[in-house]
Amino acid sequence: MIWSIGSLLNKSLKRQGIESQVKASQVIKTFHKIIERKFGQKVLEQLQAKSLKNKTLVVAILSSVVASEIRLHQEEIIEEINSQYKKTLVEKLRFLF
């Protein structure tokens, strides 16, 4: 039987119990790329996605103005993240000031 490297890696991550941590890290990286593409480097420098738990992406943010702008586009950001992974990994964003 032939196994792909990806499937072997997924099985190994599940066995070690770190699959959700790896997935959260990937989602955070994806979020940062989306923010940079949509809003630019200056906005990206004012925030940091911190964690993903219970489908909530927690984002530390320095400016209420930036938070308001992100909130206006929250649904499309979430939709883009989920479409990249072809499943619902994020349902809402939570901002920390």
N, C-alpha and C. Protein backbone atom coordinates (compact mmCIF):
# COMPACT_ATOMS: atom_id res chain seq x y z
N MET A 1 0.84 -1.16 0.00
CA MET A 1 0.00 0.00 0.00
C MET A 1 0.89 1.25 0.00
N ILE A 2 0.53 2.23 -0.80
CA ILE A 2 1.29 3.46 -0.92
C ILE A 2 0.57 4.56 -0.15
N TRP A 3 1.33 5.26 0.71
CA TRP A 3 0.79 6.35 1.51
C TRP A 3 1.43 7.66 1.07
N SER A 4 0.65 8.70 1.03
CA SER A 4 1.23 10.01 0.73
C SER A 4 1.88 10.57 2.00
N ILE A 5 2.84 11.43 1.80
CA ILE A 5 3.52 12.04 2.94
C ILE A 5 2.52 12.83 3.79
N GLY A 6 1.60 13.51 3.13
CA GLY A 6 0.60 14.30 3.85
C GLY A 6 -0.27 13.44 4.75
N SER A 7 -0.71 12.29 4.26
CA SER A 7 -1.56 11.44 5.09
C SER A 7 -0.77 10.83 6.25
N LEU A 8 0.49 10.49 6.01
CA LEU A 8 1.33 9.98 7.09
C LEU A 8 1.56 11.05 8.16
N LEU A 9 1.79 12.27 7.71
CA LEU A 9 2.01 13.37 8.64
C LEU A 9 0.75 13.63 9.48
N ASN A 10 -0.42 13.64 8.82
CA ASN A 10 -1.67 13.84 9.55
C ASN A 10 -1.89 12.76 10.60
N LYS A 11 -1.62 11.51 10.25
CA LYS A 11 -1.78 10.42 11.21
C LYS A 11 -0.83 10.58 12.38
N SER A 12 0.40 10.98 12.09
CA SER A 12 1.39 11.19 13.15
C SER A 12 0.97 12.32 14.08
N LEU A 13 0.47 13.42 13.51
CA LEU A 13 0.02 14.54 14.32
C LEU A 13 -1.15 14.15 15.21
N LYS A 14 -2.08 13.38 14.67
CA LYS A 14 -3.23 12.92 15.46
C LYS A 14 -2.75 12.03 16.61
N ARG A 15 -1.84 11.13 16.31
CA ARG A 15 -1.32 10.22 17.33
C ARG A 15 -0.65 10.98 18.46
N GLN A 16 0.06 12.04 18.12
CA GLN A 16 0.77 12.82 19.13
C GLN A 16 -0.13 13.85 19.81
N GLY A 17 -1.35 14.01 19.32
CA GLY A 17 -2.29 14.92 19.94
C GLY A 17 -2.02 16.40 19.68
N ILE A 18 -1.30 16.69 18.62
CA ILE A 18 -0.97 18.10 18.33
C ILE A 18 -1.59 18.60 17.03
N GLU A 19 -2.47 17.82 16.47
CA GLU A 19 -3.08 18.21 15.20
C GLU A 19 -3.79 19.57 15.31
N SER A 20 -4.53 19.78 16.39
CA SER A 20 -5.28 21.04 16.53
C SER A 20 -4.33 22.22 16.70
N GLN A 21 -3.19 22.03 17.36
CA GLN A 21 -2.22 23.11 17.53
C GLN A 21 -1.59 23.48 16.19
N VAL A 22 -1.28 22.48 15.40
CA VAL A 22 -0.69 22.74 14.08
C VAL A 22 -1.71 23.44 13.19
N LYS A 23 -2.96 22.99 13.22
CA LYS A 23 -4.02 23.61 12.41
C LYS A 23 -4.22 25.07 12.85
N ALA A 24 -4.21 25.33 14.16
CA ALA A 24 -4.37 26.70 14.66
C ALA A 24 -3.24 27.58 14.15
N SER A 25 -2.03 27.07 14.17
CA SER A 25 -0.88 27.82 13.68
C SER A 25 -1.03 28.15 12.19
N GLN A 26 -1.53 27.20 11.42
CA GLN A 26 -1.75 27.43 9.99
C GLN A 26 -2.83 28.48 9.76
N VAL A 27 -3.90 28.42 10.55
CA VAL A 27 -4.99 29.39 10.41
C VAL A 27 -4.49 30.80 10.76
N ILE A 28 -3.69 30.91 11.81
CA ILE A 28 -3.14 32.22 12.20
C ILE A 28 -2.27 32.79 11.08
N LYS A 29 -1.45 31.96 10.50
CA LYS A 29 -0.60 32.41 9.38
C LYS A 29 -1.46 32.86 8.20
N THR A 30 -2.51 32.11 7.90
CA THR A 30 -3.42 32.46 6.81
C THR A 30 -4.11 33.79 7.10
N PHE A 31 -4.55 33.98 8.34
CA PHE A 31 -5.19 35.24 8.73
C PHE A 31 -4.25 36.42 8.49
N HIS A 32 -3.00 36.29 8.90
CA HIS A 32 -2.04 37.37 8.72
C HIS A 32 -1.82 37.68 7.23
N LYS A 33 -1.77 36.65 6.41
CA LYS A 33 -1.60 36.87 4.97
C LYS A 33 -2.80 37.61 4.38
N ILE A 34 -4.00 37.24 4.81
CA ILE A 34 -5.22 37.89 4.31
C ILE A 34 -5.23 39.36 4.73
N ILE A 35 -4.89 39.62 5.99
CA ILE A 35 -4.88 41.01 6.48
C ILE A 35 -3.87 41.84 5.70
N GLU A 36 -2.69 41.30 5.49
CA GLU A 36 -1.67 42.04 4.74
C GLU A 36 -2.13 42.33 3.32
N ARG A 37 -2.75 41.35 2.68
CA ARG A 37 -3.21 41.53 1.31
C ARG A 37 -4.35 42.55 1.22
N LYS A 38 -5.29 42.50 2.17
CA LYS A 38 -6.46 43.37 2.12
C LYS A 38 -6.18 44.78 2.64
N PHE A 39 -5.33 44.89 3.66
CA PHE A 39 -5.18 46.17 4.35
C PHE A 39 -3.76 46.73 4.33
N GLY A 40 -2.79 45.90 4.00
CA GLY A 40 -1.42 46.37 3.91
C GLY A 40 -0.59 46.08 5.16
N GLN A 41 0.69 46.32 5.03
CA GLN A 41 1.66 46.02 6.09
C GLN A 41 1.42 46.87 7.34
N LYS A 42 1.02 48.13 7.17
CA LYS A 42 0.84 49.02 8.33
C LYS A 42 -0.25 48.49 9.26
N VAL A 43 -1.33 48.01 8.70
CA VAL A 43 -2.41 47.43 9.53
C VAL A 43 -1.93 46.13 10.16
N LEU A 44 -1.25 45.31 9.39
CA LEU A 44 -0.74 44.04 9.91
C LEU A 44 0.17 44.26 11.12
N GLU A 45 0.95 45.32 11.10
CA GLU A 45 1.86 45.62 12.21
C GLU A 45 1.13 46.01 13.49
N GLN A 46 -0.16 46.31 13.40
CA GLN A 46 -0.92 46.74 14.57
C GLN A 46 -1.77 45.63 15.17
N LEU A 47 -1.60 44.42 14.69
CA LEU A 47 -2.37 43.31 15.25
C LEU A 47 -1.57 42.03 15.24
N GLN A 48 -2.04 41.08 16.03
CA GLN A 48 -1.40 39.76 16.09
C GLN A 48 -2.46 38.73 16.48
N ALA A 49 -2.72 37.78 15.59
CA ALA A 49 -3.62 36.68 15.95
C ALA A 49 -2.89 35.83 16.97
N LYS A 50 -3.57 35.50 18.06
CA LYS A 50 -2.93 34.81 19.18
C LYS A 50 -3.30 33.34 19.30
N SER A 51 -4.57 33.03 19.09
CA SER A 51 -4.99 31.64 19.30
C SER A 51 -6.27 31.35 18.54
N LEU A 52 -6.52 30.07 18.38
CA LEU A 52 -7.76 29.58 17.79
C LEU A 52 -8.30 28.52 18.73
N LYS A 53 -9.47 28.81 19.29
CA LYS A 53 -10.08 27.85 20.22
C LYS A 53 -11.58 27.90 20.04
N ASN A 54 -12.19 26.74 19.95
CA ASN A 54 -13.64 26.65 19.77
C ASN A 54 -14.13 27.49 18.59
N LYS A 55 -13.36 27.47 17.52
CA LYS A 55 -13.66 28.16 16.27
C LYS A 55 -13.68 29.68 16.41
N THR A 56 -13.03 30.20 17.46
CA THR A 56 -12.89 31.63 17.67
C THR A 56 -11.42 32.00 17.53
N LEU A 57 -11.12 32.88 16.60
CA LEU A 57 -9.77 33.36 16.40
C LEU A 57 -9.59 34.63 17.24
N VAL A 58 -8.68 34.57 18.19
CA VAL A 58 -8.42 35.69 19.10
C VAL A 58 -7.31 36.55 18.52
N VAL A 59 -7.59 37.85 18.40
CA VAL A 59 -6.65 38.78 17.77
C VAL A 59 -6.35 39.93 18.73
N ALA A 60 -5.09 40.09 19.10
CA ALA A 60 -4.65 41.24 19.89
C ALA A 60 -4.46 42.40 18.92
N ILE A 61 -4.97 43.56 19.29
CA ILE A 61 -4.95 44.68 18.36
C ILE A 61 -4.63 45.98 19.11
N LEU A 62 -3.85 46.84 18.50
CA LEU A 62 -3.38 48.06 19.16
C LEU A 62 -4.31 49.25 18.96
N SER A 63 -5.12 49.23 17.94
CA SER A 63 -5.91 50.41 17.58
C SER A 63 -7.38 50.06 17.43
N SER A 64 -8.24 50.84 18.05
CA SER A 64 -9.68 50.62 17.90
C SER A 64 -10.12 50.94 16.47
N VAL A 65 -9.41 51.85 15.82
CA VAL A 65 -9.73 52.18 14.42
C VAL A 65 -9.47 50.97 13.53
N VAL A 66 -8.34 50.31 13.74
CA VAL A 66 -8.02 49.10 12.97
C VAL A 66 -9.03 48.01 13.29
N ALA A 67 -9.38 47.87 14.55
CA ALA A 67 -10.37 46.85 14.95
C ALA A 67 -11.70 47.08 14.24
N SER A 68 -12.12 48.34 14.16
CA SER A 68 -13.38 48.67 13.47
C SER A 68 -13.31 48.31 11.98
N GLU A 69 -12.18 48.60 11.38
CA GLU A 69 -12.01 48.27 9.96
C GLU A 69 -12.04 46.76 9.73
N ILE A 70 -11.37 46.01 10.61
CA ILE A 70 -11.37 44.55 10.49
C ILE A 70 -12.79 44.02 10.71
N ARG A 71 -13.50 44.57 11.70
CA ARG A 71 -14.88 44.14 11.98
C ARG A 71 -15.78 44.31 10.76
N LEU A 72 -15.58 45.41 10.03
CA LEU A 72 -16.39 45.65 8.83
C LEU A 72 -16.21 44.54 7.79
N HIS A 73 -15.05 43.92 7.78
CA HIS A 73 -14.73 42.88 6.79
C HIS A 73 -14.64 41.49 7.42
N GLN A 74 -15.09 41.38 8.64
CA GLN A 74 -14.95 40.14 9.40
C GLN A 74 -15.53 38.92 8.67
N GLU A 75 -16.73 39.05 8.15
CA GLU A 75 -17.38 37.90 7.49
C GLU A 75 -16.58 37.41 6.28
N GLU A 76 -16.11 38.34 5.47
CA GLU A 76 -15.35 37.91 4.29
C GLU A 76 -13.99 37.33 4.67
N ILE A 77 -13.37 37.84 5.74
CA ILE A 77 -12.10 37.28 6.21
C ILE A 77 -12.32 35.84 6.69
N ILE A 78 -13.34 35.64 7.49
CA ILE A 78 -13.66 34.30 7.99
C ILE A 78 -13.98 33.36 6.84
N GLU A 79 -14.77 33.84 5.90
CA GLU A 79 -15.13 33.02 4.74
C GLU A 79 -13.90 32.62 3.93
N GLU A 80 -12.97 33.55 3.77
CA GLU A 80 -11.75 33.25 3.01
C GLU A 80 -10.88 32.22 3.73
N ILE A 81 -10.76 32.35 5.04
CA ILE A 81 -9.98 31.37 5.80
C ILE A 81 -10.60 29.98 5.64
N ASN A 82 -11.91 29.89 5.87
CA ASN A 82 -12.58 28.60 5.80
C ASN A 82 -12.55 28.00 4.40
N SER A 83 -12.64 28.84 3.39
CA SER A 83 -12.61 28.32 2.02
C SER A 83 -11.23 27.75 1.67
N GLN A 84 -10.18 28.32 2.26
CA GLN A 84 -8.84 27.80 1.99
C GLN A 84 -8.66 26.41 2.58
N TYR A 85 -9.33 26.13 3.68
CA TYR A 85 -9.20 24.81 4.34
C TYR A 85 -10.36 23.89 4.01
N LYS A 86 -11.33 24.40 3.26
CA LYS A 86 -12.49 23.62 2.81
C LYS A 86 -13.30 23.03 3.97
N LYS A 87 -13.27 23.73 5.11
CA LYS A 87 -14.13 23.40 6.24
C LYS A 87 -14.17 24.58 7.20
N THR A 88 -15.15 24.57 8.07
CA THR A 88 -15.33 25.68 8.99
C THR A 88 -14.39 25.53 10.18
N LEU A 89 -13.31 26.27 10.15
CA LEU A 89 -12.35 26.29 11.26
C LEU A 89 -12.53 27.53 12.12
N VAL A 90 -13.05 28.61 11.51
CA VAL A 90 -13.26 29.88 12.22
C VAL A 90 -14.71 30.31 12.02
N GLU A 91 -15.37 30.63 13.13
CA GLU A 91 -16.72 31.15 13.07
C GLU A 91 -16.81 32.61 13.49
N LYS A 92 -15.84 33.04 14.32
CA LYS A 92 -15.86 34.45 14.72
C LYS A 92 -14.45 34.91 15.11
N LEU A 93 -14.29 36.23 15.09
CA LEU A 93 -13.06 36.87 15.53
C LEU A 93 -13.35 37.56 16.85
N ARG A 94 -12.40 37.47 17.77
CA ARG A 94 -12.51 38.15 19.06
C ARG A 94 -11.29 39.06 19.20
N PHE A 95 -11.53 40.32 19.52
CA PHE A 95 -10.45 41.30 19.59
C PHE A 95 -10.08 41.59 21.03
N LEU A 96 -8.78 41.65 21.30
CA LEU A 96 -8.24 42.05 22.59
C LEU A 96 -7.52 43.37 22.41
N PHE A 97 -7.77 44.29 23.30
CA PHE A 97 -7.12 45.61 23.21
C PHE A 97 -6.09 45.74 24.31
